[in-house]
């Protein structure tokens, strides 16, 4: 939280931790009835997916078999009827990119003909086409896969984690969604949940879930801003928390703005430098390009806590003299410059929400940061 000007800052707790506790009147009504099965909260993130449940009097983010509190939102389909999700799927981005899909949520409920969609799938290593309803269909080995089906695989994995922890078959869930999701995209979420065998009890906007998760923090109150900068989307909400029930005064979001875009900027810079040195464009080599992007994400994470790091991708080019590595020294200042335009876009969204609410930034009692991209020092400083 950032409270006032020049105050100490700390990263807020995950919005998903609040989902299983209080999300809507519908959930509250069910809580008064005899319990039939637990209701879990799922954050279907662009970059990572996590699941939480109320265990006793405490809300807990449930961990997978590897002990991680979230798993990558990546789906790989190596052969018919075989589905791999999470970390194992993410590792296949560099070995089988034509059968591996990262961040399918960005395409959920979107039309194939949209400009942003065309930009994203234009660089994808797998085949795509428009479905009968105009949405995106991904073809793997000639077999069509709707985006809702791919997201359902992620929700199925989250459901399995919850069922294992709770010792019962979990069939009900509340899902967090970006504020920019319209009715069409929310219906797409419902379809994905149904395909995963989940009854969708309710939806909650991700920034509002973050506000609920922070309501027990000392000093939380008044008029607050929720700055939610994830891997694929950015949302900002102005929330009045002075009463027992929160009132969202305004919300604004950009569904094509996230940490993934910073990875792309870094990758472009690294590839351009490599081209100047070796006259080889790694963008034309699918596997090597994916390796560079993953290395850029790791470098970005490292620079959140360290002043400098080295972007190093081994053996990206074969020459007569042997294999050549891509190696680039990066520091925090370089990352700040690279991310500058993207971070400024988040602040523009914030200003739109503030104007919609009829308030100015200095009227907020605090700004709560959530989403992995908000861990970047450049974001906190901005």
Protein backbone atom coordinates (compact mmCIF):
# COMPACT_ATOMS: atom_id res chain seq x y z
CA UNK A 1 0.00 0.00 0.00
CA UNK A 2 1.04 3.61 -0.59
CA UNK A 3 -0.54 5.77 2.09
CA UNK A 4 -0.22 9.51 1.60
CA UNK A 5 2.84 11.10 0.01
CA UNK A 6 6.33 9.81 0.67
CA UNK A 7 5.02 7.05 2.90
CA UNK A 8 6.42 3.54 3.09
CA UNK A 9 5.19 1.20 0.40
CA UNK A 10 4.40 -2.47 0.42
CA UNK A 11 2.83 -4.86 -2.00
CA UNK A 12 -0.79 -5.73 -1.26
CA UNK A 13 -1.98 -9.26 -0.67
CA UNK A 14 -3.39 -11.18 -3.62
CA UNK A 15 -6.97 -10.40 -4.57
CA UNK A 16 -7.71 -14.10 -5.01
CA UNK A 17 -7.42 -14.61 -1.24
CA UNK A 18 -10.65 -12.68 -0.70
CA UNK A 19 -12.77 -14.46 -3.28
CA UNK A 20 -13.86 -17.40 -1.14
CA UNK A 21 -14.94 -15.13 1.72
CA UNK A 22 -17.22 -12.40 0.40
CA UNK A 23 -18.03 -11.66 -3.20
CA UNK A 24 -21.72 -11.02 -3.73
CA UNK A 25 -25.16 -11.26 -2.18
CA UNK A 26 -25.59 -14.57 -3.98
CA UNK A 27 -22.62 -16.04 -2.16
CA UNK A 28 -23.81 -14.62 1.15
CA UNK A 29 -27.23 -16.20 0.63
CA UNK A 30 -25.63 -19.58 -0.03
CA UNK A 31 -23.54 -19.22 3.12
CA UNK A 32 -26.76 -19.21 5.18
CA UNK A 33 -27.82 -22.52 3.66
CA UNK A 34 -26.51 -25.92 4.70
CA UNK A 35 -23.12 -26.42 3.05
CA UNK A 36 -23.21 -28.85 0.16
CA UNK A 37 -19.71 -28.28 -1.21
CA UNK A 38 -17.01 -25.69 -0.67
CA UNK A 39 -16.93 -22.58 -2.85
CA UNK A 40 -13.39 -21.70 -3.92
CA UNK A 41 -12.05 -18.52 -5.43
CA UNK A 42 -10.04 -18.72 -8.65
CA UNK A 43 -7.90 -16.02 -10.20
CA UNK A 44 -7.62 -17.00 -13.86
CA UNK A 45 -4.70 -14.73 -14.61
CA UNK A 46 -3.17 -13.96 -17.98
CA UNK A 47 0.25 -15.03 -16.75
CA UNK A 48 -0.53 -17.19 -13.69
CA UNK A 49 -3.58 -18.91 -12.21
CA UNK A 50 -4.24 -19.47 -8.51
CA UNK A 51 -6.99 -20.82 -6.30
CA UNK A 52 -8.02 -20.05 -2.70
CA UNK A 53 -10.41 -21.44 -0.13
CA UNK A 54 -11.64 -20.57 3.34
CA UNK A 55 -10.21 -23.18 5.70
CA UNK A 56 -11.54 -22.67 9.20
CA UNK A 57 -11.41 -18.93 9.83
CA UNK A 58 -8.54 -18.28 7.43
CA UNK A 59 -8.49 -17.79 3.69
CA UNK A 60 -5.61 -19.74 2.18
CA UNK A 61 -4.09 -19.73 -1.29
CA UNK A 62 -3.76 -23.41 -2.15
CA UNK A 63 -0.51 -24.82 -3.50
CA UNK A 64 0.16 -27.41 -6.17
CA UNK A 65 2.31 -30.50 -5.78
CA UNK A 66 5.41 -28.36 -6.39
CA UNK A 67 4.47 -26.06 -3.48
CA UNK A 68 3.87 -23.06 -5.75
CA UNK A 69 0.98 -20.71 -4.90
CA UNK A 70 0.23 -20.22 -8.60
CA UNK A 71 0.92 -22.01 -11.87
CA UNK A 72 1.67 -20.51 -15.30
CA UNK A 73 -1.39 -19.95 -17.49
CA UNK A 74 0.08 -22.03 -20.30
CA UNK A 75 -1.48 -25.01 -22.09
CA UNK A 76 0.42 -27.49 -24.25
CA UNK A 77 -1.17 -30.14 -26.47
CA UNK A 78 1.66 -32.47 -27.54
CA UNK A 79 -0.71 -35.02 -29.05
CA UNK A 80 -4.42 -35.78 -29.29
CA UNK A 81 -6.15 -36.12 -25.92
CA UNK A 82 -2.98 -35.16 -24.05
CA UNK A 83 -3.06 -31.87 -22.15
CA UNK A 84 -0.22 -30.34 -20.15
CA UNK A 85 -0.71 -27.17 -18.11
CA UNK A 86 1.35 -24.98 -15.79
CA UNK A 87 5.11 -25.07 -15.37
CA UNK A 88 5.51 -28.21 -17.46
CA UNK A 89 3.63 -26.56 -20.32
CA UNK A 90 5.62 -23.34 -19.98
CA UNK A 91 8.88 -25.24 -20.42
CA UNK A 92 7.55 -26.50 -23.76
CA UNK A 93 7.33 -22.96 -25.17
CA UNK A 94 10.96 -23.35 -26.19
CA UNK A 95 10.75 -26.96 -27.36
CA UNK A 96 7.29 -27.32 -28.93
CA UNK A 97 5.95 -23.77 -29.48
CA UNK A 98 3.59 -24.80 -32.29
CA UNK A 99 1.56 -26.89 -29.80
CA UNK A 100 1.88 -24.62 -26.75
CA UNK A 101 -0.35 -21.63 -25.98
CA UNK A 102 0.57 -18.99 -23.41
CA UNK A 103 -1.86 -16.39 -22.02
CA UNK A 104 -5.04 -17.72 -23.72
CA UNK A 105 -7.08 -15.40 -21.49
CA UNK A 106 -6.02 -12.46 -23.67
CA UNK A 107 -8.04 -13.98 -26.53
CA UNK A 108 -11.02 -15.15 -24.45
CA UNK A 109 -14.27 -13.75 -25.86
CA UNK A 110 -12.41 -11.71 -28.50
CA UNK A 111 -13.26 -11.57 -32.18
CA UNK A 112 -10.72 -12.91 -34.64
CA UNK A 113 -10.91 -9.75 -36.76
CA UNK A 114 -10.00 -7.33 -33.93
CA UNK A 115 -6.82 -5.39 -34.59
CA UNK A 116 -5.21 -6.30 -31.25
CA UNK A 117 -6.10 -9.95 -31.74
CA UNK A 118 -4.52 -9.96 -35.19
CA UNK A 119 -1.37 -8.43 -33.75
CA UNK A 120 -1.12 -11.13 -31.09
CA UNK A 121 -1.88 -14.16 -33.27
CA UNK A 122 0.15 -12.77 -36.16
CA UNK A 123 3.30 -13.52 -34.18
CA UNK A 124 2.04 -16.86 -32.83
CA UNK A 125 3.77 -20.08 -33.90
CA UNK A 126 0.49 -22.02 -34.14
CA UNK A 127 -2.27 -21.86 -36.75
CA UNK A 128 -5.42 -19.82 -36.07
CA UNK A 129 -8.71 -19.11 -37.79
CA UNK A 130 -12.08 -17.53 -37.12
CA UNK A 131 -14.74 -19.76 -35.59
CA UNK A 132 -18.39 -19.83 -36.64
CA UNK A 133 -19.13 -17.14 -34.04
CA UNK A 134 -16.20 -14.98 -35.16
CA UNK A 135 -13.99 -15.77 -32.16
CA UNK A 136 -10.49 -17.22 -32.32
CA UNK A 137 -9.93 -20.91 -32.94
CA UNK A 138 -6.44 -22.36 -32.56
CA UNK A 139 -5.59 -25.40 -34.66
CA UNK A 140 -3.09 -27.94 -33.35
CA UNK A 141 -2.28 -30.77 -35.76
CA UNK A 142 -5.45 -29.94 -37.66
CA UNK A 143 -7.69 -30.19 -34.58
CA UNK A 144 -9.62 -27.03 -33.57
CA UNK A 145 -9.47 -25.67 -30.04
CA UNK A 146 -11.69 -22.80 -28.89
CA UNK A 147 -10.12 -20.34 -26.46
CA UNK A 148 -12.74 -21.22 -23.83
CA UNK A 149 -11.59 -24.85 -24.08
CA UNK A 150 -7.98 -23.85 -23.45
CA UNK A 151 -8.96 -21.71 -20.45
CA UNK A 152 -11.06 -24.61 -19.20
CA UNK A 153 -7.89 -26.72 -18.99
CA UNK A 154 -6.42 -24.11 -16.62
CA UNK A 155 -9.58 -24.04 -14.51
CA UNK A 156 -9.57 -27.85 -14.40
CA UNK A 157 -6.04 -27.75 -12.98
CA UNK A 158 -7.11 -25.19 -10.37
CA UNK A 159 -10.12 -27.34 -9.49
CA UNK A 160 -7.88 -30.40 -9.07
CA UNK A 161 -5.58 -28.51 -6.68
CA UNK A 162 -8.56 -27.41 -4.60
CA UNK A 163 -10.14 -30.88 -4.55
CA UNK A 164 -6.89 -32.43 -3.37
CA UNK A 165 -6.43 -29.90 -0.57
CA UNK A 166 -10.03 -29.95 0.62
CA UNK A 167 -10.51 -33.71 0.32
CA UNK A 168 -13.70 -33.40 -1.70
CA UNK A 169 -14.75 -32.87 -5.29
CA UNK A 170 -14.91 -29.09 -5.74
CA UNK A 171 -17.70 -28.08 -8.13
CA UNK A 172 -18.41 -24.43 -7.23
CA UNK A 173 -16.24 -21.37 -7.68
CA UNK A 174 -16.12 -17.60 -7.82
CA UNK A 175 -13.83 -16.16 -10.49
CA UNK A 176 -12.04 -12.84 -10.61
CA UNK A 177 -12.13 -10.96 -13.93
CA UNK A 178 -10.62 -7.68 -15.18
CA UNK A 179 -12.90 -4.63 -14.99
CA UNK A 180 -12.60 -4.33 -18.77
CA UNK A 181 -14.45 -7.62 -19.31
CA UNK A 182 -17.84 -6.93 -20.91
CA UNK A 183 -20.85 -9.25 -20.96
CA UNK A 184 -19.48 -11.21 -23.91
CA UNK A 185 -16.16 -11.90 -22.22
CA UNK A 186 -17.86 -12.73 -18.92
CA UNK A 187 -20.04 -15.28 -20.72
CA UNK A 188 -16.87 -16.75 -22.18
CA UNK A 189 -15.53 -17.14 -18.64
CA UNK A 190 -18.76 -18.91 -17.68
CA UNK A 191 -18.36 -21.25 -20.65
CA UNK A 192 -14.79 -22.09 -19.63
CA UNK A 193 -15.93 -22.78 -16.06
CA UNK A 194 -18.72 -25.05 -17.25
CA UNK A 195 -16.32 -27.00 -19.46
CA UNK A 196 -14.09 -27.46 -16.40
CA UNK A 197 -17.00 -28.96 -14.44
CA UNK A 198 -17.47 -25.87 -12.28
CA UNK A 199 -20.66 -24.08 -11.37
CA UNK A 200 -19.85 -20.39 -11.50
CA UNK A 201 -21.35 -18.93 -8.32
CA UNK A 202 -20.29 -15.39 -9.17
CA UNK A 203 -17.80 -13.04 -10.77
CA UNK A 204 -15.89 -10.25 -9.10
CA UNK A 205 -13.70 -7.56 -10.64
CA UNK A 206 -10.05 -8.20 -9.85
CA UNK A 207 -9.34 -4.74 -8.30
CA UNK A 208 -12.42 -5.08 -6.09
CA UNK A 209 -11.20 -8.47 -4.91
CA UNK A 210 -7.90 -6.80 -4.03
CA UNK A 211 -9.76 -4.15 -2.03
CA UNK A 212 -11.58 -6.86 -0.07
CA UNK A 213 -8.29 -8.67 0.58
CA UNK A 214 -6.77 -5.54 2.08
CA UNK A 215 -9.64 -4.49 4.30
CA UNK A 216 -7.96 -5.83 7.47
CA UNK A 217 -4.70 -3.93 6.92
CA UNK A 218 -4.09 -1.18 9.48
CA UNK A 219 -4.96 2.23 8.05
CA UNK A 220 -7.21 0.84 5.34
CA UNK A 221 -10.19 3.15 4.94
CA UNK A 222 -11.66 6.17 3.23
CA UNK A 223 -11.30 6.56 -0.50
CA UNK A 224 -8.72 4.16 -1.96
CA UNK A 225 -7.29 3.42 -5.36
CA UNK A 226 -6.63 -0.17 -6.49
CA UNK A 227 -3.82 -0.35 -9.05
CA UNK A 228 -3.87 -3.84 -10.59
CA UNK A 229 -1.04 -4.40 -13.08
CA UNK A 230 -0.93 -8.03 -14.19
CA UNK A 231 0.74 -9.91 -16.97
CA UNK A 232 -1.86 -9.17 -19.63
CA UNK A 233 -4.31 -6.58 -18.30
CA UNK A 234 -4.32 -3.37 -16.28
CA UNK A 235 -7.19 -2.14 -14.10
CA UNK A 236 -7.66 0.79 -11.75
CA UNK A 237 -10.61 1.28 -9.40
CA UNK A 238 -11.59 4.08 -7.06
CA UNK A 239 -13.38 2.52 -4.09
CA UNK A 240 -15.12 4.12 -1.10
CA UNK A 241 -14.37 1.81 1.83
CA UNK A 242 -15.67 4.11 4.56
CA UNK A 243 -18.83 2.01 5.05
CA UNK A 244 -19.45 -1.64 5.82
CA UNK A 245 -20.19 -2.28 2.16
CA UNK A 246 -17.62 -1.07 -0.35
CA UNK A 247 -18.81 1.26 -3.11
CA UNK A 248 -16.94 1.30 -6.39
CA UNK A 249 -17.07 4.90 -7.58
CA UNK A 250 -15.28 4.31 -10.86
CA UNK A 251 -13.25 1.67 -12.66
CA UNK A 252 -11.20 1.77 -15.82
CA UNK A 253 -9.17 -0.90 -17.56
CA UNK A 254 -7.04 -1.75 -20.57
CA UNK A 255 -7.28 -5.41 -21.66
CA UNK A 256 -4.15 -5.14 -23.82
CA UNK A 257 -1.77 -3.64 -21.29
CA UNK A 258 0.39 -5.78 -19.01
CA UNK A 259 3.79 -7.04 -18.04
CA UNK A 260 3.88 -9.22 -21.15
CA UNK A 261 4.23 -6.01 -23.16
CA UNK A 262 7.34 -5.07 -21.19
CA UNK A 263 8.80 -8.49 -22.00
CA UNK A 264 8.12 -7.79 -25.67
CA UNK A 265 9.88 -4.42 -25.54
CA UNK A 266 12.94 -5.99 -23.91
CA UNK A 267 12.94 -8.85 -26.42
CA UNK A 268 12.75 -6.45 -29.35
CA UNK A 269 15.68 -4.44 -28.00
CA UNK A 270 17.79 -7.56 -27.42
CA UNK A 271 16.99 -9.01 -30.85
CA UNK A 272 17.73 -5.70 -32.57
CA UNK A 273 21.13 -5.55 -30.91
CA UNK A 274 21.83 -9.15 -31.90
CA UNK A 275 20.88 -8.31 -35.50
CA UNK A 276 23.29 -5.37 -35.54
CA UNK A 277 26.08 -7.68 -34.43
CA UNK A 278 25.30 -10.79 -36.49
CA UNK A 279 22.79 -9.71 -39.20
CA UNK A 280 20.40 -12.46 -38.09
CA UNK A 281 16.80 -11.67 -37.06
CA UNK A 282 15.83 -14.06 -34.25
CA UNK A 283 12.17 -13.09 -34.68
CA UNK A 284 12.14 -15.40 -37.70
CA UNK A 285 13.24 -18.36 -35.59
CA UNK A 286 10.27 -19.46 -33.48
CA UNK A 287 12.09 -21.47 -30.82
CA UNK A 288 14.89 -18.94 -30.34
CA UNK A 289 12.40 -16.07 -30.14
CA UNK A 290 10.47 -17.86 -27.38
CA UNK A 291 13.72 -18.46 -25.50
CA UNK A 292 14.58 -14.77 -25.72
CA UNK A 293 11.13 -13.74 -24.44
CA UNK A 294 11.35 -16.10 -21.46
CA UNK A 295 14.84 -14.81 -20.67
CA UNK A 296 13.52 -11.23 -20.81
CA UNK A 297 10.79 -12.10 -18.31
CA UNK A 298 13.37 -13.59 -15.96
CA UNK A 299 15.59 -10.52 -16.33
CA UNK A 300 12.65 -8.25 -15.57
CA UNK A 301 11.89 -10.21 -12.41
CA UNK A 302 15.54 -10.11 -11.34
CA UNK A 303 15.65 -6.31 -11.74
CA UNK A 304 12.74 -5.98 -9.30
CA UNK A 305 15.17 -6.77 -6.47
CA UNK A 306 18.65 -6.35 -7.97
CA UNK A 307 20.33 -3.27 -9.52
CA UNK A 308 21.62 -5.21 -12.54
CA UNK A 309 21.47 -8.56 -14.29
CA UNK A 310 22.58 -10.28 -17.48
CA UNK A 311 20.18 -11.39 -20.18
CA UNK A 312 21.79 -14.59 -21.41
CA UNK A 313 20.35 -17.00 -23.97
CA UNK A 314 22.76 -19.76 -24.92
CA UNK A 315 23.39 -21.02 -28.45
CA UNK A 316 20.83 -19.07 -30.43
CA UNK A 317 22.86 -19.07 -33.65
CA UNK A 318 25.05 -21.66 -35.38
CA UNK A 319 28.02 -20.28 -37.34
CA UNK A 320 31.08 -21.75 -38.99
CA UNK A 321 32.99 -20.79 -35.84
CA UNK A 322 30.52 -22.55 -33.53
CA UNK A 323 27.43 -21.63 -31.54
CA UNK A 324 26.77 -18.01 -30.58
CA UNK A 325 25.04 -16.83 -27.39
CA UNK A 326 22.87 -13.77 -26.96
CA UNK A 327 24.26 -11.86 -24.01
CA UNK A 328 23.20 -8.42 -22.85
CA UNK A 329 23.90 -6.53 -19.63
CA UNK A 330 20.81 -4.85 -18.16
CA UNK A 331 20.36 -2.52 -15.22
CA UNK A 332 17.37 -1.00 -13.46
CA UNK A 333 17.70 2.29 -15.35
CA UNK A 334 17.55 0.46 -18.69
CA UNK A 335 14.42 -1.40 -17.65
CA UNK A 336 12.84 1.85 -16.45
CA UNK A 337 13.43 3.45 -19.85
CA UNK A 338 12.19 0.39 -21.73
CA UNK A 339 9.01 0.20 -19.64
CA UNK A 340 8.45 3.96 -19.52
CA UNK A 341 5.79 4.25 -22.21
CA UNK A 342 3.86 1.23 -20.89
CA UNK A 343 3.90 2.50 -17.30
CA UNK A 344 2.72 5.93 -18.48
CA UNK A 345 -0.22 4.20 -20.19
CA UNK A 346 -1.24 2.74 -16.81
CA UNK A 347 -1.19 6.22 -15.28
CA UNK A 348 -3.39 7.51 -18.12
CA UNK A 349 -5.93 4.80 -17.23
CA UNK A 350 -5.72 5.90 -13.58
CA UNK A 351 -6.46 9.51 -14.55
CA UNK A 352 -9.50 8.42 -16.56
CA UNK A 353 -10.88 6.55 -13.54
CA UNK A 354 -10.20 9.48 -11.21
CA UNK A 355 -12.00 11.88 -13.55
CA UNK A 356 -14.91 9.45 -13.83
CA UNK A 357 -15.11 9.36 -10.01
CA UNK A 358 -14.83 13.16 -9.79
CA UNK A 359 -11.77 13.10 -7.50
CA UNK A 360 -8.07 13.88 -7.74
CA UNK A 361 -5.16 11.68 -6.76
CA UNK A 362 -4.36 13.62 -3.59
CA UNK A 363 -7.87 12.91 -2.29
CA UNK A 364 -7.11 9.19 -2.04
CA UNK A 365 -6.19 7.90 1.41
CA UNK A 366 -4.08 5.17 -0.16
CA UNK A 367 -3.22 3.33 -3.36
CA UNK A 368 -2.98 -0.44 -3.12
CA UNK A 369 -0.74 -2.22 -5.62
CA UNK A 370 -1.48 -5.73 -6.85
CA UNK A 371 -0.54 -7.87 -9.81
CA UNK A 372 2.96 -9.18 -10.47
CA UNK A 373 4.01 -6.25 -12.66
CA UNK A 374 3.49 -3.79 -9.80
CA UNK A 375 6.54 -5.32 -8.09
CA UNK A 376 8.74 -3.38 -10.52
CA UNK A 377 10.43 -0.40 -8.81
CA UNK A 378 9.69 1.71 -11.91
CA UNK A 379 5.98 1.09 -11.41
CA UNK A 380 6.09 1.96 -7.71
CA UNK A 381 8.06 5.14 -8.38
CA UNK A 382 5.60 6.20 -11.09
